N, C-alpha and C. Protein backbone atom coordinates (compact mmCIF):
# COMPACT_ATOMS: atom_id res chain seq x y z
N MET A 1 134.38 52.93 83.37
CA MET A 1 133.56 53.61 82.36
C MET A 1 132.12 53.14 82.47
N SER A 2 131.19 54.09 82.44
CA SER A 2 129.77 53.73 82.41
C SER A 2 129.27 53.85 80.97
N PHE A 3 128.44 52.91 80.58
CA PHE A 3 127.84 52.91 79.24
C PHE A 3 126.47 52.29 79.40
N THR A 4 125.44 53.06 79.11
CA THR A 4 124.07 52.61 79.37
C THR A 4 123.33 52.30 78.08
N VAL A 5 122.72 51.13 78.05
CA VAL A 5 121.86 50.73 76.94
C VAL A 5 120.43 50.66 77.46
N ALA A 6 119.55 51.47 76.90
CA ALA A 6 118.14 51.51 77.29
C ALA A 6 117.31 50.79 76.24
N ILE A 7 116.58 49.77 76.65
CA ILE A 7 115.77 49.00 75.71
C ILE A 7 114.32 49.01 76.19
N ASP A 8 113.46 49.64 75.40
CA ASP A 8 112.05 49.74 75.75
C ASP A 8 111.19 48.99 74.75
N GLY A 9 109.92 48.80 75.13
CA GLY A 9 108.98 48.16 74.23
C GLY A 9 107.87 47.45 74.99
N PRO A 10 106.83 47.03 74.28
CA PRO A 10 105.70 46.37 74.91
C PRO A 10 106.01 44.93 75.30
N ALA A 11 105.08 44.30 75.99
CA ALA A 11 105.25 42.93 76.45
C ALA A 11 105.45 41.96 75.28
N ALA A 12 106.38 41.01 75.47
CA ALA A 12 106.60 39.91 74.54
C ALA A 12 107.11 40.35 73.17
N ALA A 13 107.73 41.53 73.11
CA ALA A 13 108.31 41.98 71.85
C ALA A 13 109.69 41.40 71.62
N GLY A 14 110.31 40.93 72.72
CA GLY A 14 111.65 40.36 72.63
C GLY A 14 112.71 41.19 73.32
N LYS A 15 112.31 42.28 73.99
CA LYS A 15 113.31 43.17 74.58
C LYS A 15 114.08 42.50 75.71
N GLY A 16 113.43 41.64 76.47
CA GLY A 16 114.12 40.96 77.57
C GLY A 16 115.20 40.02 77.06
N THR A 17 114.87 39.25 76.03
CA THR A 17 115.83 38.31 75.45
C THR A 17 116.99 39.07 74.81
N ILE A 18 116.67 40.14 74.09
CA ILE A 18 117.71 40.96 73.47
C ILE A 18 118.60 41.59 74.55
N SER A 19 117.99 42.07 75.62
CA SER A 19 118.74 42.70 76.70
C SER A 19 119.73 41.72 77.33
N LYS A 20 119.27 40.52 77.60
CA LYS A 20 120.15 39.51 78.19
C LYS A 20 121.30 39.16 77.24
N GLY A 21 120.98 39.06 75.93
CA GLY A 21 122.00 38.75 74.95
C GLY A 21 123.04 39.86 74.84
N VAL A 22 122.57 41.10 74.86
CA VAL A 22 123.47 42.25 74.79
C VAL A 22 124.36 42.29 76.03
N ALA A 23 123.78 42.08 77.20
CA ALA A 23 124.56 42.09 78.44
C ALA A 23 125.64 41.02 78.42
N ALA A 24 125.28 39.84 77.93
CA ALA A 24 126.25 38.75 77.85
C ALA A 24 127.37 39.06 76.85
N ARG A 25 126.99 39.65 75.73
CA ARG A 25 127.97 39.95 74.67
C ARG A 25 129.01 40.97 75.13
N PHE A 26 128.58 42.01 75.86
CA PHE A 26 129.49 43.09 76.23
C PHE A 26 129.94 43.03 77.69
N GLY A 27 129.44 42.06 78.44
CA GLY A 27 129.81 41.97 79.85
C GLY A 27 129.17 43.03 80.72
N PHE A 28 128.01 43.53 80.29
CA PHE A 28 127.28 44.54 81.04
C PHE A 28 126.37 43.89 82.08
N ALA A 29 126.07 44.65 83.14
CA ALA A 29 125.05 44.21 84.09
C ALA A 29 123.67 44.41 83.45
N HIS A 30 122.70 43.59 83.83
CA HIS A 30 121.36 43.67 83.23
C HIS A 30 120.29 43.82 84.29
N LEU A 31 119.37 44.73 84.05
CA LEU A 31 118.22 44.90 84.94
C LEU A 31 116.93 44.86 84.14
N ASP A 32 116.10 43.88 84.43
CA ASP A 32 114.75 43.81 83.87
C ASP A 32 113.87 44.65 84.79
N THR A 33 113.64 45.91 84.41
CA THR A 33 112.90 46.80 85.30
C THR A 33 111.45 46.37 85.48
N GLY A 34 110.94 45.60 84.51
CA GLY A 34 109.59 45.08 84.67
C GLY A 34 109.45 44.21 85.90
N LEU A 35 110.56 43.55 86.29
CA LEU A 35 110.52 42.72 87.49
C LEU A 35 110.25 43.55 88.74
N LEU A 36 110.75 44.80 88.74
CA LEU A 36 110.48 45.68 89.89
C LEU A 36 108.98 45.88 90.06
N TYR A 37 108.30 46.13 88.93
CA TYR A 37 106.85 46.38 88.99
C TYR A 37 106.08 45.09 89.23
N ARG A 38 106.59 43.97 88.71
CA ARG A 38 105.96 42.69 89.01
C ARG A 38 106.06 42.37 90.51
N ALA A 39 107.22 42.67 91.08
CA ALA A 39 107.40 42.41 92.51
C ALA A 39 106.48 43.29 93.35
N VAL A 40 106.34 44.56 92.95
CA VAL A 40 105.40 45.44 93.65
C VAL A 40 103.97 44.93 93.47
N GLY A 41 103.63 44.52 92.24
CA GLY A 41 102.30 43.98 91.99
C GLY A 41 102.02 42.74 92.82
N ARG A 42 103.03 41.89 92.97
CA ARG A 42 102.87 40.68 93.77
C ARG A 42 102.60 41.04 95.23
N ARG A 43 103.34 42.00 95.74
CA ARG A 43 103.14 42.42 97.14
C ARG A 43 101.77 43.07 97.30
N MET A 44 101.30 43.78 96.27
CA MET A 44 99.95 44.35 96.32
C MET A 44 98.91 43.24 96.38
N LEU A 45 99.08 42.21 95.56
CA LEU A 45 98.15 41.09 95.58
C LEU A 45 98.17 40.38 96.94
N ASP A 46 99.30 40.49 97.63
CA ASP A 46 99.43 39.87 98.96
C ASP A 46 98.84 40.75 100.06
N GLY A 47 98.35 41.96 99.68
CA GLY A 47 97.64 42.78 100.65
C GLY A 47 98.22 44.14 100.97
N GLU A 48 99.39 44.46 100.43
CA GLU A 48 99.99 45.76 100.71
C GLU A 48 99.46 46.82 99.75
N THR A 49 99.58 48.08 100.15
CA THR A 49 99.27 49.15 99.21
C THR A 49 100.43 49.24 98.21
N PRO A 50 100.19 49.66 96.99
CA PRO A 50 101.28 49.74 96.00
C PRO A 50 102.42 50.64 96.45
N GLU A 51 102.09 51.79 97.06
CA GLU A 51 103.12 52.73 97.49
C GLU A 51 104.01 52.12 98.56
N ALA A 52 103.40 51.46 99.55
CA ALA A 52 104.17 50.82 100.63
C ALA A 52 105.03 49.70 100.07
N ALA A 53 104.48 48.94 99.13
CA ALA A 53 105.22 47.83 98.54
C ALA A 53 106.45 48.32 97.80
N ALA A 54 106.31 49.42 97.05
CA ALA A 54 107.44 49.97 96.29
C ALA A 54 108.54 50.45 97.23
N LEU A 55 108.17 51.10 98.31
CA LEU A 55 109.16 51.63 99.25
C LEU A 55 109.87 50.53 100.01
N ALA A 56 109.19 49.40 100.20
CA ALA A 56 109.76 48.31 101.00
C ALA A 56 110.40 47.22 100.15
N LEU A 57 110.46 47.41 98.83
CA LEU A 57 110.95 46.38 97.93
C LEU A 57 112.39 45.99 98.26
N THR A 58 112.67 44.69 98.21
CA THR A 58 114.02 44.19 98.49
C THR A 58 114.51 43.36 97.31
N ALA A 59 115.79 43.07 97.29
CA ALA A 59 116.36 42.23 96.23
C ALA A 59 115.72 40.85 96.22
N GLU A 60 115.36 40.36 97.41
CA GLU A 60 114.74 39.04 97.50
C GLU A 60 113.39 38.99 96.79
N ASP A 61 112.69 40.13 96.76
CA ASP A 61 111.39 40.17 96.08
C ASP A 61 111.54 39.86 94.60
N LEU A 62 112.69 40.23 94.02
CA LEU A 62 112.90 40.03 92.58
C LEU A 62 113.18 38.57 92.24
N ASP A 63 113.46 37.77 93.26
CA ASP A 63 113.77 36.35 93.03
C ASP A 63 112.58 35.43 93.29
N ARG A 64 111.43 36.00 93.60
CA ARG A 64 110.26 35.15 93.86
C ARG A 64 109.89 34.35 92.61
N PRO A 65 109.51 33.09 92.78
CA PRO A 65 109.23 32.24 91.62
C PRO A 65 107.87 32.49 90.97
N ASP A 66 107.04 33.33 91.59
CA ASP A 66 105.67 33.51 91.09
C ASP A 66 105.46 34.87 90.42
N LEU A 67 106.52 35.46 89.87
CA LEU A 67 106.39 36.79 89.28
C LEU A 67 106.00 36.77 87.81
N ARG A 68 105.98 35.60 87.17
CA ARG A 68 105.74 35.53 85.73
C ARG A 68 104.33 35.07 85.37
N THR A 69 103.42 35.12 86.32
CA THR A 69 102.04 34.71 86.03
C THR A 69 101.27 35.84 85.37
N ALA A 70 100.18 35.49 84.68
CA ALA A 70 99.35 36.50 84.03
C ALA A 70 98.73 37.43 85.07
N GLU A 71 98.37 36.90 86.23
CA GLU A 71 97.77 37.71 87.29
C GLU A 71 98.76 38.78 87.76
N VAL A 72 100.00 38.40 87.96
CA VAL A 72 101.01 39.36 88.40
C VAL A 72 101.32 40.36 87.31
N ALA A 73 101.30 39.93 86.05
CA ALA A 73 101.55 40.85 84.93
C ALA A 73 100.51 41.96 84.91
N GLN A 74 99.25 41.60 85.10
CA GLN A 74 98.20 42.61 85.14
C GLN A 74 98.37 43.54 86.34
N ALA A 75 98.73 42.97 87.49
CA ALA A 75 98.95 43.79 88.68
C ALA A 75 100.11 44.74 88.47
N ALA A 76 101.17 44.26 87.80
CA ALA A 76 102.33 45.10 87.53
C ALA A 76 101.96 46.29 86.65
N SER A 77 101.15 46.04 85.62
CA SER A 77 100.73 47.11 84.72
C SER A 77 99.91 48.15 85.48
N LYS A 78 99.12 47.72 86.44
CA LYS A 78 98.29 48.64 87.22
C LYS A 78 99.14 49.49 88.16
N VAL A 79 100.06 48.86 88.89
CA VAL A 79 100.87 49.64 89.83
C VAL A 79 101.84 50.57 89.09
N ALA A 80 102.23 50.18 87.87
CA ALA A 80 103.16 51.00 87.10
C ALA A 80 102.53 52.32 86.66
N ALA A 81 101.21 52.40 86.70
CA ALA A 81 100.52 53.64 86.32
C ALA A 81 100.40 54.61 87.50
N ILE A 82 100.89 54.22 88.68
CA ILE A 82 100.77 55.05 89.88
C ILE A 82 102.05 55.88 90.04
N PRO A 83 101.95 57.22 89.93
CA PRO A 83 103.16 58.07 90.00
C PRO A 83 104.02 57.83 91.23
N ALA A 84 103.42 57.61 92.39
CA ALA A 84 104.19 57.42 93.62
C ALA A 84 105.02 56.14 93.56
N VAL A 85 104.50 55.13 92.91
CA VAL A 85 105.24 53.87 92.77
C VAL A 85 106.45 54.09 91.86
N ARG A 86 106.22 54.75 90.73
CA ARG A 86 107.30 55.00 89.78
C ARG A 86 108.40 55.84 90.43
N ALA A 87 107.98 56.86 91.18
CA ALA A 87 108.96 57.74 91.83
C ALA A 87 109.82 56.96 92.83
N ALA A 88 109.21 56.02 93.53
CA ALA A 88 109.95 55.24 94.53
C ALA A 88 111.01 54.35 93.91
N LEU A 89 110.84 53.99 92.64
CA LEU A 89 111.75 53.06 91.99
C LEU A 89 112.77 53.73 91.05
N VAL A 90 112.61 55.04 90.83
CA VAL A 90 113.47 55.74 89.87
C VAL A 90 114.93 55.74 90.31
N ASP A 91 115.21 56.09 91.56
CA ASP A 91 116.58 56.22 92.01
C ASP A 91 117.34 54.89 91.89
N PHE A 92 116.67 53.81 92.23
CA PHE A 92 117.30 52.48 92.13
C PHE A 92 117.72 52.21 90.68
N GLN A 93 116.83 52.50 89.75
CA GLN A 93 117.11 52.23 88.35
C GLN A 93 118.24 53.12 87.81
N ARG A 94 118.22 54.39 88.18
CA ARG A 94 119.25 55.31 87.67
C ARG A 94 120.62 54.97 88.22
N ALA A 95 120.69 54.57 89.47
CA ALA A 95 121.97 54.19 90.06
C ALA A 95 122.51 52.95 89.35
N PHE A 96 121.64 52.01 89.06
CA PHE A 96 122.05 50.80 88.36
C PHE A 96 122.57 51.14 86.97
N ALA A 97 121.92 52.07 86.31
CA ALA A 97 122.25 52.41 84.93
C ALA A 97 123.65 53.00 84.79
N ARG A 98 124.12 53.74 85.79
CA ARG A 98 125.41 54.41 85.67
C ARG A 98 126.52 53.66 86.39
N ARG A 99 126.31 52.42 86.73
CA ARG A 99 127.34 51.65 87.40
C ARG A 99 128.54 51.45 86.47
N ALA A 100 129.71 51.32 87.06
CA ALA A 100 130.93 51.11 86.27
C ALA A 100 130.84 49.77 85.54
N GLY A 101 131.36 49.75 84.32
CA GLY A 101 131.37 48.50 83.58
C GLY A 101 130.23 48.34 82.60
N GLY A 102 129.27 49.27 82.62
CA GLY A 102 128.18 49.23 81.66
C GLY A 102 126.94 48.54 82.19
N ALA A 103 125.78 48.95 81.67
CA ALA A 103 124.51 48.38 82.12
C ALA A 103 123.49 48.39 80.99
N VAL A 104 122.64 47.37 81.00
CA VAL A 104 121.51 47.27 80.09
C VAL A 104 120.24 47.25 80.93
N LEU A 105 119.32 48.15 80.64
CA LEU A 105 118.04 48.17 81.34
C LEU A 105 116.93 48.03 80.32
N ASP A 106 115.97 47.16 80.59
CA ASP A 106 114.83 47.08 79.70
C ASP A 106 113.55 47.34 80.47
N GLY A 107 112.61 47.99 79.77
CA GLY A 107 111.36 48.35 80.42
C GLY A 107 110.42 49.06 79.47
N ARG A 108 109.72 50.06 80.00
CA ARG A 108 108.76 50.82 79.20
C ARG A 108 109.18 52.29 79.03
N ASP A 109 109.95 52.81 80.00
CA ASP A 109 110.27 54.24 79.99
C ASP A 109 111.75 54.50 80.26
N ILE A 110 112.61 53.55 79.91
CA ILE A 110 114.03 53.70 80.22
C ILE A 110 114.64 54.84 79.41
N GLY A 111 114.42 54.83 78.10
CA GLY A 111 115.01 55.86 77.24
C GLY A 111 114.37 57.22 77.36
N THR A 112 113.13 57.26 77.83
CA THR A 112 112.42 58.54 77.91
C THR A 112 112.49 59.19 79.28
N VAL A 113 112.48 58.39 80.35
CA VAL A 113 112.39 58.94 81.71
C VAL A 113 113.57 58.54 82.59
N ILE A 114 113.87 57.25 82.65
CA ILE A 114 114.89 56.78 83.58
C ILE A 114 116.30 57.18 83.12
N CYS A 115 116.60 56.93 81.86
CA CYS A 115 117.96 57.20 81.33
C CYS A 115 117.90 57.97 80.01
N PRO A 116 117.41 59.21 80.04
CA PRO A 116 117.32 59.96 78.79
C PRO A 116 118.69 60.26 78.18
N GLU A 117 119.77 60.12 78.97
CA GLU A 117 121.12 60.35 78.47
C GLU A 117 121.83 59.06 78.10
N ALA A 118 121.11 57.95 78.01
CA ALA A 118 121.74 56.66 77.67
C ALA A 118 122.48 56.75 76.35
N GLU A 119 123.62 56.07 76.28
CA GLU A 119 124.41 56.09 75.06
C GLU A 119 123.70 55.41 73.90
N VAL A 120 122.90 54.38 74.19
CA VAL A 120 122.13 53.68 73.16
C VAL A 120 120.70 53.51 73.65
N LYS A 121 119.74 53.83 72.77
CA LYS A 121 118.33 53.62 73.08
C LYS A 121 117.70 52.80 71.96
N LEU A 122 117.09 51.70 72.33
CA LEU A 122 116.40 50.85 71.37
C LEU A 122 114.93 50.75 71.77
N PHE A 123 114.05 50.68 70.79
CA PHE A 123 112.63 50.43 71.07
C PHE A 123 112.25 49.19 70.27
N VAL A 124 111.97 48.11 71.00
CA VAL A 124 111.69 46.81 70.39
C VAL A 124 110.19 46.56 70.41
N THR A 125 109.61 46.29 69.25
CA THR A 125 108.17 46.07 69.19
C THR A 125 107.86 44.92 68.24
N ALA A 126 106.59 44.58 68.15
CA ALA A 126 106.08 43.55 67.24
C ALA A 126 104.57 43.70 67.27
N SER A 127 103.90 43.10 66.30
CA SER A 127 102.43 43.21 66.27
C SER A 127 101.83 42.55 67.50
N ALA A 128 100.65 43.02 67.89
CA ALA A 128 99.97 42.46 69.06
C ALA A 128 99.72 40.97 68.87
N GLU A 129 99.39 40.57 67.65
CA GLU A 129 99.09 39.16 67.39
C GLU A 129 100.33 38.28 67.56
N VAL A 130 101.46 38.75 67.05
CA VAL A 130 102.71 37.99 67.20
C VAL A 130 103.11 37.91 68.68
N ARG A 131 103.00 39.01 69.37
CA ARG A 131 103.37 39.01 70.78
C ARG A 131 102.44 38.15 71.62
N ALA A 132 101.15 38.16 71.28
CA ALA A 132 100.19 37.34 72.02
C ALA A 132 100.49 35.86 71.81
N GLU A 133 100.86 35.47 70.60
CA GLU A 133 101.19 34.07 70.34
C GLU A 133 102.42 33.65 71.13
N ARG A 134 103.42 34.51 71.19
CA ARG A 134 104.62 34.21 71.98
C ARG A 134 104.26 34.03 73.45
N ARG A 135 103.46 34.95 73.97
CA ARG A 135 103.09 34.87 75.38
C ARG A 135 102.20 33.66 75.64
N TYR A 136 101.30 33.35 74.71
CA TYR A 136 100.44 32.17 74.87
C TYR A 136 101.29 30.90 75.00
N LEU A 137 102.26 30.73 74.12
CA LEU A 137 103.11 29.54 74.15
C LEU A 137 103.92 29.48 75.44
N GLU A 138 104.38 30.64 75.90
CA GLU A 138 105.15 30.71 77.14
C GLU A 138 104.29 30.30 78.33
N LEU A 139 103.06 30.82 78.37
CA LEU A 139 102.16 30.50 79.48
C LEU A 139 101.69 29.05 79.41
N ALA A 140 101.41 28.56 78.21
CA ALA A 140 100.96 27.18 78.04
C ALA A 140 102.02 26.20 78.53
N ALA A 141 103.28 26.54 78.29
CA ALA A 141 104.38 25.67 78.73
C ALA A 141 104.45 25.60 80.25
N LYS A 142 103.88 26.61 80.90
CA LYS A 142 103.89 26.63 82.36
C LYS A 142 102.58 26.08 82.95
N GLY A 143 101.72 25.57 82.06
CA GLY A 143 100.48 24.96 82.54
C GLY A 143 99.27 25.86 82.55
N SER A 144 99.41 27.09 82.02
CA SER A 144 98.27 28.00 81.98
C SER A 144 97.19 27.48 81.04
N ARG A 145 95.94 27.75 81.39
CA ARG A 145 94.81 27.34 80.55
C ARG A 145 94.19 28.52 79.82
N MET A 146 94.86 29.65 79.81
CA MET A 146 94.35 30.80 79.06
C MET A 146 94.31 30.46 77.57
N THR A 147 93.25 30.92 76.90
CA THR A 147 93.14 30.68 75.47
C THR A 147 93.93 31.74 74.71
N ARG A 148 94.15 31.49 73.42
CA ARG A 148 94.84 32.48 72.60
C ARG A 148 94.08 33.80 72.59
N GLU A 149 92.75 33.72 72.53
CA GLU A 149 91.93 34.92 72.50
C GLU A 149 92.08 35.72 73.80
N GLU A 150 92.12 35.00 74.91
CA GLU A 150 92.27 35.68 76.21
C GLU A 150 93.64 36.34 76.32
N VAL A 151 94.67 35.68 75.84
CA VAL A 151 96.02 36.25 75.91
C VAL A 151 96.11 37.49 75.03
N LEU A 152 95.52 37.43 73.83
CA LEU A 152 95.55 38.59 72.93
C LEU A 152 94.82 39.77 73.57
N ALA A 153 93.67 39.52 74.18
CA ALA A 153 92.94 40.59 74.85
C ALA A 153 93.76 41.17 75.99
N ASP A 154 94.46 40.31 76.71
CA ASP A 154 95.30 40.74 77.82
C ASP A 154 96.45 41.62 77.32
N VAL A 155 97.09 41.21 76.22
CA VAL A 155 98.18 41.98 75.63
C VAL A 155 97.70 43.37 75.20
N LYS A 156 96.56 43.41 74.52
CA LYS A 156 96.03 44.69 74.05
C LYS A 156 95.64 45.60 75.22
N GLU A 157 95.10 45.01 76.29
CA GLU A 157 94.72 45.79 77.46
C GLU A 157 95.96 46.41 78.12
N ARG A 158 97.02 45.61 78.24
CA ARG A 158 98.25 46.11 78.84
C ARG A 158 98.88 47.19 77.96
N ASP A 159 98.87 46.97 76.65
CA ASP A 159 99.42 47.98 75.73
C ASP A 159 98.72 49.32 75.93
N ALA A 160 97.39 49.28 75.98
CA ALA A 160 96.62 50.51 76.12
C ALA A 160 96.92 51.20 77.45
N ARG A 161 96.98 50.42 78.52
CA ARG A 161 97.25 51.00 79.84
C ARG A 161 98.65 51.60 79.89
N ASP A 162 99.63 50.88 79.33
CA ASP A 162 101.01 51.35 79.37
C ASP A 162 101.21 52.60 78.52
N ALA A 163 100.53 52.66 77.38
CA ALA A 163 100.72 53.79 76.46
C ALA A 163 99.91 55.02 76.87
N GLU A 164 98.82 54.82 77.59
CA GLU A 164 97.91 55.92 77.89
C GLU A 164 98.04 56.46 79.32
N ARG A 165 98.86 55.82 80.15
CA ARG A 165 98.97 56.29 81.53
C ARG A 165 99.59 57.69 81.56
N ALA A 166 99.22 58.44 82.58
CA ALA A 166 99.72 59.81 82.70
C ALA A 166 101.19 59.84 83.11
N ALA A 167 101.60 58.89 83.94
CA ALA A 167 102.97 58.85 84.43
C ALA A 167 103.84 58.00 83.51
N ALA A 168 104.81 58.63 82.88
CA ALA A 168 105.80 57.93 82.05
C ALA A 168 105.17 56.93 81.09
N PRO A 169 104.34 57.39 80.16
CA PRO A 169 103.73 56.44 79.22
C PRO A 169 104.77 55.76 78.34
N MET A 170 104.45 54.55 77.91
CA MET A 170 105.35 53.82 77.03
C MET A 170 105.34 54.45 75.64
N LYS A 171 106.52 54.88 75.21
CA LYS A 171 106.67 55.43 73.86
C LYS A 171 108.15 55.44 73.52
N PRO A 172 108.48 55.42 72.24
CA PRO A 172 109.91 55.46 71.88
C PRO A 172 110.51 56.82 72.20
N ALA A 173 111.76 56.82 72.66
CA ALA A 173 112.49 58.09 72.77
C ALA A 173 112.69 58.63 71.35
N LYS A 174 112.81 59.94 71.25
CA LYS A 174 112.93 60.55 69.92
C LYS A 174 114.17 60.06 69.17
N ASP A 175 115.21 59.70 69.92
CA ASP A 175 116.44 59.24 69.28
C ASP A 175 116.64 57.73 69.40
N ALA A 176 115.56 57.00 69.67
CA ALA A 176 115.66 55.54 69.78
C ALA A 176 115.73 54.89 68.40
N VAL A 177 116.48 53.80 68.32
CA VAL A 177 116.50 52.98 67.11
C VAL A 177 115.36 51.98 67.22
N MET A 178 114.50 51.95 66.20
CA MET A 178 113.32 51.09 66.24
C MET A 178 113.64 49.69 65.69
N PHE A 179 113.15 48.66 66.41
CA PHE A 179 113.28 47.28 65.97
C PHE A 179 111.90 46.63 65.99
N ASP A 180 111.41 46.19 64.85
CA ASP A 180 110.17 45.42 64.78
C ASP A 180 110.56 43.96 64.62
N THR A 181 110.27 43.15 65.63
CA THR A 181 110.69 41.75 65.63
C THR A 181 109.60 40.80 65.13
N SER A 182 108.53 41.36 64.54
CA SER A 182 107.41 40.51 64.10
C SER A 182 107.89 39.39 63.17
N ALA A 183 108.84 39.72 62.28
CA ALA A 183 109.30 38.74 61.30
C ALA A 183 110.77 38.37 61.51
N LEU A 184 111.32 38.71 62.68
CA LEU A 184 112.73 38.41 62.97
C LEU A 184 112.85 37.29 63.99
N ASP A 185 113.81 36.39 63.78
CA ASP A 185 114.09 35.45 64.86
C ASP A 185 115.04 36.14 65.84
N ILE A 186 115.25 35.53 67.00
CA ILE A 186 116.00 36.21 68.05
C ILE A 186 117.45 36.45 67.65
N ASP A 187 118.04 35.53 66.88
CA ASP A 187 119.44 35.71 66.47
C ASP A 187 119.60 36.96 65.60
N ALA A 188 118.66 37.15 64.68
CA ALA A 188 118.72 38.31 63.79
C ALA A 188 118.49 39.60 64.56
N ALA A 189 117.52 39.59 65.48
CA ALA A 189 117.23 40.79 66.27
C ALA A 189 118.42 41.14 67.16
N LEU A 190 119.01 40.13 67.78
CA LEU A 190 120.15 40.37 68.66
C LEU A 190 121.36 40.89 67.87
N ALA A 191 121.60 40.32 66.71
CA ALA A 191 122.72 40.77 65.87
C ALA A 191 122.54 42.23 65.47
N ALA A 192 121.33 42.61 65.14
CA ALA A 192 121.06 44.00 64.76
C ALA A 192 121.30 44.95 65.93
N ALA A 193 120.86 44.54 67.12
CA ALA A 193 121.06 45.37 68.31
C ALA A 193 122.55 45.51 68.63
N ILE A 194 123.28 44.42 68.54
CA ILE A 194 124.72 44.44 68.82
C ILE A 194 125.45 45.37 67.85
N ALA A 195 125.03 45.34 66.59
CA ALA A 195 125.66 46.20 65.58
C ALA A 195 125.48 47.67 65.92
N VAL A 196 124.29 48.04 66.37
CA VAL A 196 124.02 49.44 66.76
C VAL A 196 124.91 49.83 67.94
N ILE A 197 124.99 48.95 68.93
CA ILE A 197 125.77 49.25 70.14
C ILE A 197 127.26 49.36 69.82
N GLU A 198 127.76 48.44 69.00
CA GLU A 198 129.18 48.49 68.63
C GLU A 198 129.51 49.80 67.90
N ALA A 199 128.61 50.24 67.04
CA ALA A 199 128.83 51.50 66.33
C ALA A 199 128.88 52.67 67.28
N ARG A 200 127.99 52.68 68.30
CA ARG A 200 127.98 53.78 69.27
C ARG A 200 129.23 53.73 70.15
N MET A 201 129.66 52.54 70.51
CA MET A 201 130.85 52.41 71.35
C MET A 201 132.09 52.90 70.58
N SER A 202 132.16 52.60 69.30
CA SER A 202 133.28 53.05 68.48
C SER A 202 133.28 54.57 68.36
N ALA A 203 132.07 55.14 68.22
CA ALA A 203 131.96 56.59 68.09
C ALA A 203 132.35 57.29 69.39
N LYS A 204 132.04 56.65 70.52
CA LYS A 204 132.37 57.24 71.82
C LYS A 204 133.86 57.13 72.10
N GLY A 205 134.49 56.11 71.47
CA GLY A 205 135.93 55.93 71.66
C GLY A 205 136.25 55.19 72.92
């Protein structure tokens, strides 16, 4: 049986953590689709064109240890706005989504473009200030010297680029369940997501 959970939302809203928790709870496979774009961005920074990088992407690219830097995040947001890059990665994501045993995919356009027929669609968000603080603490723990102000500006810039791009802009699917995690801890957010999924699974039988 295939059962697809699509989780979208902006950076640092908590969708990745919720996705991993949901996958663990139900035994589903998990794909952080943002890693695909980070890997393409990394290869672009290494000198390749974005289109060539997307077509040549391998599983090993997703395991690189340098994909979580602020520089790569910005590069990922830029390459994600290129239609040819998105097209090159669509088939991989859709095949993953319909695999037997269930799948959770998180990203920016899973519920709207990649898996519009997903059994469950969630849109996880939080205020820019809350998300910037989360990202600042994450980066600081890794030795980054970016200031809080710089991280907030970076978050807002990425939000604008992701929401305003012509190709698959970030937005909630019309039938997505909205989650604002600004005032929720991860346990509460995960419990709410699990409740929605369990209800849909029961309805599907």
